[in-house]
Amino acid sequence: MTKFICASGRFDAEDIVGRLNKEIDNNIEYHVQYWPIFELTSDELIGCCGLRTYNEEKYEIGFHLRPKFWKQGYAVEAA
């Protein structure tokens, strides 16, 4: 999935820490973040969905789903 999120296609430990800190800062400053999505019957992690700031006036919704859960309506339901 990270091949669609970052240029290198992989996050190293430093990238992960930086991404987490950015999400924590967005939650503190703008009160938005990404949340995990779980399949209710199996409790399996589907991915995550959330908001981030696009600019000071707009927000952007994003979905990062594991491929086995694509095209099953989870992104629409999460939105």
PDB file of N, CA and C in Angstrom:
ATOM      1  N   MET A   1       0.819  -1.186   0.000  1.00  0.00           N
ATOM      2  CA  MET A   1       0.000   0.000   0.000  1.00  0.00           C
ATOM      3  C   MET A   1       0.865   1.254   0.000  1.00  0.00           C
ATOM      4  N   THR A   2       2.033   1.211   0.626  1.00  0.00           N
ATOM      5  CA  THR A   2       2.839   2.428   0.721  1.00  0.00           C
ATOM      6  C   THR A   2       3.359   2.899  -0.624  1.00  0.00           C
ATOM      7  N   LYS A   3       3.326   2.042  -1.642  1.00  0.00           N
ATOM      8  CA  LYS A   3       3.778   2.504  -2.955  1.00  0.00           C
ATOM      9  C   LYS A   3       2.900   3.629  -3.486  1.00  0.00           C
ATOM     10  N   PHE A   4       1.677   3.761  -2.959  1.00  0.00           N
ATOM     11  CA  PHE A   4       0.779   4.825  -3.380  1.00  0.00           C
ATOM     12  C   PHE A   4       0.860   6.036  -2.454  1.00  0.00           C
ATOM     13  N   ILE A   5       1.552   5.904  -1.326  1.00  0.00           N
ATOM     14  CA  ILE A   5       1.578   6.963  -0.325  1.00  0.00           C
ATOM     15  C   ILE A   5       2.889   7.739  -0.344  1.00  0.00           C
ATOM     16  N   CYS A   6       4.002   7.047  -0.572  1.00  0.00           N
ATOM     17  CA  CYS A   6       5.290   7.734  -0.573  1.00  0.00           C
ATOM     18  C   CYS A   6       6.070   7.388  -1.835  1.00  0.00           C
ATOM     19  N   ALA A   7       6.969   8.263  -2.218  1.00  0.00           N
ATOM     20  CA  ALA A   7       7.688   8.129  -3.487  1.00  0.00           C
ATOM     21  C   ALA A   7       8.537   6.863  -3.555  1.00  0.00           C
ATOM     22  N   SER A   8       9.150   6.469  -2.443  1.00  0.00           N
ATOM     23  CA  SER A   8      10.033   5.302  -2.466  1.00  0.00           C
ATOM     24  C   SER A   8       9.269   3.985  -2.427  1.00  0.00           C
ATOM     25  N   GLY A   9       7.996   4.041  -2.023  1.00  0.00           N
ATOM     26  CA  GLY A   9       7.204   2.822  -1.917  1.00  0.00           C
ATOM     27  C   GLY A   9       7.372   2.099  -0.599  1.00  0.00           C
ATOM     28  N   ARG A  10       8.261   2.591   0.240  1.00  0.00           N
ATOM     29  CA  ARG A  10       8.491   1.960   1.550  1.00  0.00           C
ATOM     30  C   ARG A  10       8.775   3.055   2.575  1.00  0.00           C
ATOM     31  N   PHE A  11       8.268   2.853   3.762  1.00  0.00           N
ATOM     32  CA  PHE A  11       8.592   3.739   4.871  1.00  0.00           C
ATOM     33  C   PHE A  11       9.698   3.097   5.695  1.00  0.00           C
ATOM     34  N   ASP A  12      10.753   3.863   5.987  1.00  0.00           N
ATOM     35  CA  ASP A  12      11.729   3.367   6.943  1.00  0.00           C
ATOM     36  C   ASP A  12      11.297   3.864   8.329  1.00  0.00           C
ATOM     37  N   ALA A  13      12.040   3.493   9.366  1.00  0.00           N
ATOM     38  CA  ALA A  13      11.662   3.847  10.740  1.00  0.00           C
ATOM     39  C   ALA A  13      11.521   5.357  10.913  1.00  0.00           C
ATOM     40  N   GLU A  14      12.422   6.111  10.301  1.00  0.00           N
ATOM     41  CA  GLU A  14      12.362   7.575  10.406  1.00  0.00           C
ATOM     42  C   GLU A  14      11.104   8.124   9.734  1.00  0.00           C
ATOM     43  N   ASP A  15      10.732   7.571   8.570  1.00  0.00           N
ATOM     44  CA  ASP A  15       9.508   7.995   7.875  1.00  0.00           C
ATOM     45  C   ASP A  15       8.272   7.733   8.732  1.00  0.00           C
ATOM     46  N   ILE A  16       8.251   6.571   9.379  1.00  0.00           N
ATOM     47  CA  ILE A  16       7.100   6.196  10.205  1.00  0.00           C
ATOM     48  C   ILE A  16       6.948   7.147  11.383  1.00  0.00           C
ATOM     49  N   VAL A  17       8.041   7.444  12.045  1.00  0.00           N
ATOM     50  CA  VAL A  17       8.006   8.379  13.175  1.00  0.00           C
ATOM     51  C   VAL A  17       7.554   9.759  12.698  1.00  0.00           C
ATOM     52  N   GLY A  18       8.080  10.211  11.574  1.00  0.00           N
ATOM     53  CA  GLY A  18       7.693  11.509  11.033  1.00  0.00           C
ATOM     54  C   GLY A  18       6.223  11.564  10.670  1.00  0.00           C
ATOM     55  N   ARG A  19       5.730  10.508  10.047  1.00  0.00           N
ATOM     56  CA  ARG A  19       4.311  10.447   9.664  1.00  0.00           C
ATOM     57  C   ARG A  19       3.424  10.447  10.906  1.00  0.00           C
ATOM     58  N   LEU A  20       3.786   9.654  11.903  1.00  0.00           N
ATOM     59  CA  LEU A  20       3.010   9.610  13.139  1.00  0.00           C
ATOM     60  C   LEU A  20       2.993  10.982  13.814  1.00  0.00           C
ATOM     61  N   ASN A  21       4.139  11.631  13.891  1.00  0.00           N
ATOM     62  CA  ASN A  21       4.192  12.963  14.505  1.00  0.00           C
ATOM     63  C   ASN A  21       3.335  13.967  13.750  1.00  0.00           C
ATOM     64  N   LYS A  22       3.327  13.877  12.424  1.00  0.00           N
ATOM     65  CA  LYS A  22       2.483  14.771  11.627  1.00  0.00           C
ATOM     66  C   LYS A  22       1.010  14.541  11.926  1.00  0.00           C
ATOM     67  N   GLU A  23       0.602  13.272  12.039  1.00  0.00           N
ATOM     68  CA  GLU A  23      -0.795  12.957  12.351  1.00  0.00           C
ATOM     69  C   GLU A  23      -1.157  13.449  13.757  1.00  0.00           C
ATOM     70  N   ILE A  24      -0.259  13.287  14.713  1.00  0.00           N
ATOM     71  CA  ILE A  24      -0.505  13.773  16.072  1.00  0.00           C
ATOM     72  C   ILE A  24      -0.648  15.293  16.066  1.00  0.00           C
ATOM     73  N   ASP A  25       0.225  15.978  15.332  1.00  0.00           N
ATOM     74  CA  ASP A  25       0.147  17.443  15.229  1.00  0.00           C
ATOM     75  C   ASP A  25      -1.157  17.888  14.583  1.00  0.00           C
ATOM     76  N   ASN A  26      -1.598  17.188  13.518  1.00  0.00           N
ATOM     77  CA  ASN A  26      -2.872  17.527  12.872  1.00  0.00           C
ATOM     78  C   ASN A  26      -4.038  17.366  13.839  1.00  0.00           C
ATOM     79  N   ASN A  27      -3.984  16.338  14.668  1.00  0.00           N
ATOM     80  CA  ASN A  27      -5.046  16.137  15.647  1.00  0.00           C
ATOM     81  C   ASN A  27      -5.065  17.273  16.663  1.00  0.00           C
ATOM     82  N   ILE A  28      -3.892  17.667  17.128  1.00  0.00           N
ATOM     83  CA  ILE A  28      -3.805  18.744  18.125  1.00  0.00           C
ATOM     84  C   ILE A  28      -4.233  20.083  17.521  1.00  0.00           C
ATOM     85  N   GLU A  29      -3.710  20.404  16.339  1.00  0.00           N
ATOM     86  CA  GLU A  29      -3.951  21.726  15.755  1.00  0.00           C
ATOM     87  C   GLU A  29      -5.313  21.851  15.073  1.00  0.00           C
ATOM     88  N   TYR A  30      -5.740  20.819  14.320  1.00  0.00           N
ATOM     89  CA  TYR A  30      -6.958  20.916  13.507  1.00  0.00           C
ATOM     90  C   TYR A  30      -8.082  19.991  13.964  1.00  0.00           C
ATOM     91  N   HIS A  31      -7.810  19.138  14.935  1.00  0.00           N
ATOM     92  CA  HIS A  31      -8.801  18.190  15.462  1.00  0.00           C
ATOM     93  C   HIS A  31      -9.270  17.189  14.409  1.00  0.00           C
ATOM     94  N   VAL A  32      -8.358  16.786  13.540  1.00  0.00           N
ATOM     95  CA  VAL A  32      -8.640  15.747  12.548  1.00  0.00           C
ATOM     96  C   VAL A  32      -7.482  14.758  12.534  1.00  0.00           C
ATOM     97  N   GLN A  33      -7.780  13.520  12.142  1.00  0.00           N
ATOM     98  CA  GLN A  33      -6.753  12.489  12.072  1.00  0.00           C
ATOM     99  C   GLN A  33      -7.281  11.310  11.273  1.00  0.00           C
ATOM    100  N   TYR A  34      -6.468  10.275  11.158  1.00  0.00           N
ATOM    101  CA  TYR A  34      -6.872   9.013  10.539  1.00  0.00           C
ATOM    102  C   TYR A  34      -7.200   8.016  11.642  1.00  0.00           C
ATOM    103  N   TRP A  35      -8.202   7.174  11.388  1.00  0.00           N
ATOM    104  CA  TRP A  35      -8.620   6.170  12.347  1.00  0.00           C
ATOM    105  C   TRP A  35      -8.566   4.796  11.697  1.00  0.00           C
ATOM    106  N   PRO A  36      -8.278   3.763  12.477  1.00  0.00           N
ATOM    107  CA  PRO A  36      -8.261   2.409  11.915  1.00  0.00           C
ATOM    108  C   PRO A  36      -9.680   1.942  11.593  1.00  0.00           C
ATOM    109  N   ILE A  37      -9.792   1.080  10.600  1.00  0.00           N
ATOM    110  CA  ILE A  37     -11.071   0.470  10.212  1.00  0.00           C
ATOM    111  C   ILE A  37     -10.919  -1.037  10.402  1.00  0.00           C
ATOM    112  N   PHE A  38     -11.850  -1.635  11.127  1.00  0.00           N
ATOM    113  CA  PHE A  38     -11.822  -3.076  11.370  1.00  0.00           C
ATOM    114  C   PHE A  38     -13.088  -3.725  10.816  1.00  0.00           C
ATOM    115  N   GLU A  39     -12.946  -4.940  10.315  1.00  0.00           N
ATOM    116  CA  GLU A  39     -14.094  -5.733   9.872  1.00  0.00           C
ATOM    117  C   GLU A  39     -14.800  -6.210  11.138  1.00  0.00           C
ATOM    118  N   LEU A  40     -16.104  -5.972  11.228  1.00  0.00           N
ATOM    119  CA  LEU A  40     -16.807  -6.193  12.487  1.00  0.00           C
ATOM    120  C   LEU A  40     -16.895  -7.661  12.896  1.00  0.00           C
ATOM    121  N   THR A  41     -17.097  -8.564  11.961  1.00  0.00           N
ATOM    122  CA  THR A  41     -17.275  -9.965  12.352  1.00  0.00           C
ATOM    123  C   THR A  41     -15.963 -10.664  12.689  1.00  0.00           C
ATOM    124  N   SER A  42     -14.865 -10.264  12.033  1.00  0.00           N
ATOM    125  CA  SER A  42     -13.582 -10.938  12.272  1.00  0.00           C
ATOM    126  C   SER A  42     -12.606 -10.094  13.087  1.00  0.00           C
ATOM    127  N   ASP A  43     -12.896  -8.794  13.242  1.00  0.00           N
ATOM    128  CA  ASP A  43     -12.005  -7.837  13.909  1.00  0.00           C
ATOM    129  C   ASP A  43     -10.680  -7.674  13.155  1.00  0.00           C
ATOM    130  N   GLU A  44     -10.666  -8.044  11.865  1.00  0.00           N
ATOM    131  CA  GLU A  44      -9.463  -7.909  11.043  1.00  0.00           C
ATOM    132  C   GLU A  44      -9.281  -6.456  10.613  1.00  0.00           C
ATOM    133  N   LEU A  45      -8.030  -5.992  10.610  1.00  0.00           N
ATOM    134  CA  LEU A  45      -7.738  -4.627  10.187  1.00  0.00           C
ATOM    135  C   LEU A  45      -7.941  -4.491   8.685  1.00  0.00           C
ATOM    136  N   ILE A  46      -8.805  -3.578   8.289  1.00  0.00           N
ATOM    137  CA  ILE A  46      -9.086  -3.294   6.879  1.00  0.00           C
ATOM    138  C   ILE A  46      -8.133  -2.236   6.363  1.00  0.00           C
ATOM    139  N   GLY A  47      -7.867  -1.239   7.187  1.00  0.00           N
ATOM    140  CA  GLY A  47      -7.020  -0.120   6.794  1.00  0.00           C
ATOM    141  C   GLY A  47      -7.326   1.067   7.677  1.00  0.00           C
ATOM    142  N   CYS A  48      -7.311   2.267   7.090  1.00  0.00           N
ATOM    143  CA  CYS A  48      -7.639   3.457   7.864  1.00  0.00           C
ATOM    144  C   CYS A  48      -8.327   4.481   6.975  1.00  0.00           C
ATOM    145  N   CYS A  49      -8.986   5.406   7.628  1.00  0.00           N
ATOM    146  CA  CYS A  49      -9.709   6.478   6.942  1.00  0.00           C
ATOM    147  C   CYS A  49      -9.613   7.703   7.831  1.00  0.00           C
ATOM    148  N   GLY A  50      -9.565   8.872   7.199  1.00  0.00           N
ATOM    149  CA  GLY A  50      -9.551  10.068   8.018  1.00  0.00           C
ATOM    150  C   GLY A  50      -9.452  11.338   7.216  1.00  0.00           C
ATOM    151  N   LEU A  51      -9.226  12.401   7.939  1.00  0.00           N
ATOM    152  CA  LEU A  51      -9.123  13.732   7.354  1.00  0.00           C
ATOM    153  C   LEU A  51      -7.741  14.301   7.611  1.00  0.00           C
ATOM    154  N   ARG A  52      -7.318  15.143   6.691  1.00  0.00           N
ATOM    155  CA  ARG A  52      -6.115  15.944   6.902  1.00  0.00           C
ATOM    156  C   ARG A  52      -6.375  17.301   6.274  1.00  0.00           C
ATOM    157  N   THR A  53      -5.568  18.265   6.653  1.00  0.00           N
ATOM    158  CA  THR A  53      -5.762  19.607   6.105  1.00  0.00           C
ATOM    159  C   THR A  53      -5.200  19.651   4.686  1.00  0.00           C
ATOM    160  N   TYR A  54      -5.978  20.222   3.795  1.00  0.00           N
ATOM    161  CA  TYR A  54      -5.527  20.457   2.430  1.00  0.00           C
ATOM    162  C   TYR A  54      -4.890  21.836   2.352  1.00  0.00           C
ATOM    163  N   ASN A  55      -5.556  22.791   2.935  1.00  0.00           N
ATOM    164  CA  ASN A  55      -5.015  24.127   3.172  1.00  0.00           C
ATOM    165  C   ASN A  55      -5.773  24.681   4.378  1.00  0.00           C
ATOM    166  N   GLU A  56      -5.627  25.927   4.683  1.00  0.00           N
ATOM    167  CA  GLU A  56      -6.246  26.458   5.903  1.00  0.00           C
ATOM    168  C   GLU A  56      -7.763  26.505   5.842  1.00  0.00           C
ATOM    169  N   GLU A  57      -8.345  26.355   4.664  1.00  0.00           N
ATOM    170  CA  GLU A  57      -9.800  26.436   4.523  1.00  0.00           C
ATOM    171  C   GLU A  57     -10.444  25.123   4.118  1.00  0.00           C
ATOM    172  N   LYS A  58      -9.663  24.134   3.708  1.00  0.00           N
ATOM    173  CA  LYS A  58     -10.227  22.895   3.181  1.00  0.00           C
ATOM    174  C   LYS A  58      -9.580  21.675   3.817  1.00  0.00           C
ATOM    175  N   TYR A  59     -10.375  20.623   3.873  1.00  0.00           N
ATOM    176  CA  TYR A  59      -9.890  19.336   4.365  1.00  0.00           C
ATOM    177  C   TYR A  59      -9.945  18.320   3.234  1.00  0.00           C
ATOM    178  N   GLU A  60      -9.167  17.274   3.376  1.00  0.00           N
ATOM    179  CA  GLU A  60      -9.114  16.202   2.387  1.00  0.00           C
ATOM    180  C   GLU A  60      -9.387  14.887   3.116  1.00  0.00           C
ATOM    181  N   ILE A  61     -10.274  14.058   2.558  1.00  0.00           N
ATOM    182  CA  ILE A  61     -10.533  12.752   3.142  1.00  0.00           C
ATOM    183  C   ILE A  61      -9.648  11.733   2.439  1.00  0.00           C
ATOM    184  N   GLY A  62      -9.156  10.790   3.199  1.00  0.00           N
ATOM    185  CA  GLY A  62      -8.284   9.780   2.617  1.00  0.00           C
ATOM    186  C   GLY A  62      -8.601   8.400   3.144  1.00  0.00           C
ATOM    187  N   PHE A  63      -8.312   7.415   2.321  1.00  0.00           N
ATOM    188  CA  PHE A  63      -8.531   6.020   2.666  1.00  0.00           C
ATOM    189  C   PHE A  63      -7.279   5.241   2.303  1.00  0.00           C
ATOM    190  N   HIS A  64      -6.862   4.379   3.174  1.00  0.00           N
ATOM    191  CA  HIS A  64      -5.752   3.471   2.901  1.00  0.00           C
ATOM    192  C   HIS A  64      -6.232   2.084   3.318  1.00  0.00           C
ATOM    193  N   LEU A  65      -6.676   1.311   2.337  1.00  0.00           N
ATOM    194  CA  LEU A  65      -7.248  -0.008   2.604  1.00  0.00           C
ATOM    195  C   LEU A  65      -6.322  -1.104   2.098  1.00  0.00           C
ATOM    196  N   ARG A  66      -6.298  -2.210   2.810  1.00  0.00           N
ATOM    197  CA  ARG A  66      -5.543  -3.369   2.352  1.00  0.00           C
ATOM    198  C   ARG A  66      -6.204  -3.899   1.081  1.00  0.00           C
ATOM    199  N   PRO A  67      -5.413  -4.307   0.088  1.00  0.00           N
ATOM    200  CA  PRO A  67      -5.970  -4.704  -1.218  1.00  0.00           C
ATOM    201  C   PRO A  67      -7.076  -5.749  -1.150  1.00  0.00           C
ATOM    202  N   LYS A  68      -7.022  -6.681  -0.223  1.00  0.00           N
ATOM    203  CA  LYS A  68      -8.061  -7.712  -0.167  1.00  0.00           C
ATOM    204  C   LYS A  68      -9.425  -7.131   0.189  1.00  0.00           C
ATOM    205  N   PHE A  69      -9.462  -5.872   0.655  1.00  0.00           N
ATOM    206  CA  PHE A  69     -10.722  -5.233   1.014  1.00  0.00           C
ATOM    207  C   PHE A  69     -11.175  -4.182  -0.006  1.00  0.00           C
ATOM    208  N   TRP A  70     -10.440  -4.043  -1.097  1.00  0.00           N
ATOM    209  CA  TRP A  70     -10.838  -3.087  -2.134  1.00  0.00           C
ATOM    210  C   TRP A  70     -12.135  -3.537  -2.795  1.00  0.00           C
ATOM    211  N   LYS A  71     -12.895  -2.543  -3.284  1.00  0.00           N
ATOM    212  CA  LYS A  71     -14.126  -2.761  -4.068  1.00  0.00           C
ATOM    213  C   LYS A  71     -15.196  -3.527  -3.312  1.00  0.00           C
ATOM    214  N   GLN A  72     -15.246  -3.321  -1.992  1.00  0.00           N
ATOM    215  CA  GLN A  72     -16.276  -3.978  -1.180  1.00  0.00           C
ATOM    216  C   GLN A  72     -17.137  -2.954  -0.431  1.00  0.00           C
ATOM    217  N   GLY A  73     -16.955  -1.679  -0.724  1.00  0.00           N
ATOM    218  CA  GLY A  73     -17.777  -0.648  -0.126  1.00  0.00           C
ATOM    219  C   GLY A  73     -17.291  -0.100   1.213  1.00  0.00           C
ATOM    220  N   TYR A  74     -16.125  -0.556   1.667  1.00  0.00           N
ATOM    221  CA  TYR A  74     -15.640  -0.103   2.974  1.00  0.00           C
ATOM    222  C   TYR A  74     -15.292   1.384   2.972  1.00  0.00           C
ATOM    223  N   ALA A  75     -14.703   1.880   1.921  1.00  0.00           N
ATOM    224  CA  ALA A  75     -14.330   3.309   1.882  1.00  0.00           C
ATOM    225  C   ALA A  75     -15.591   4.178   1.922  1.00  0.00           C
ATOM    226  N   VAL A  76     -16.594   3.802   1.172  1.00  0.00           N
ATOM    227  CA  VAL A  76     -17.849   4.565   1.170  1.00  0.00           C
ATOM    228  C   VAL A  76     -18.481   4.531   2.550  1.00  0.00           C
ATOM    229  N   GLU A  77     -18.511   3.363   3.148  1.00  0.00           N
ATOM    230  CA  GLU A  77     -19.103   3.235   4.482  1.00  0.00           C
ATOM    231  C   GLU A  77     -18.317   4.044   5.499  1.00  0.00           C
ATOM    232  N   ALA A  78     -17.004   4.015   5.428  1.00  0.00           N
ATOM    233  CA  ALA A  78     -16.191   4.778   6.373  1.00  0.00           C
ATOM    234  C   ALA A  78     -16.409   6.284   6.214  1.00  0.00           C
ATOM    235  N   ALA A  79     -16.558   6.737   4.969  1.00  0.00           N
ATOM    236  CA  ALA A  79     -16.784   8.155   4.714  1.00  0.00           C
ATOM    237  C   ALA A  79     -18.088   8.602   5.323  1.00  0.00           C
TER     238      ALA A  79
END
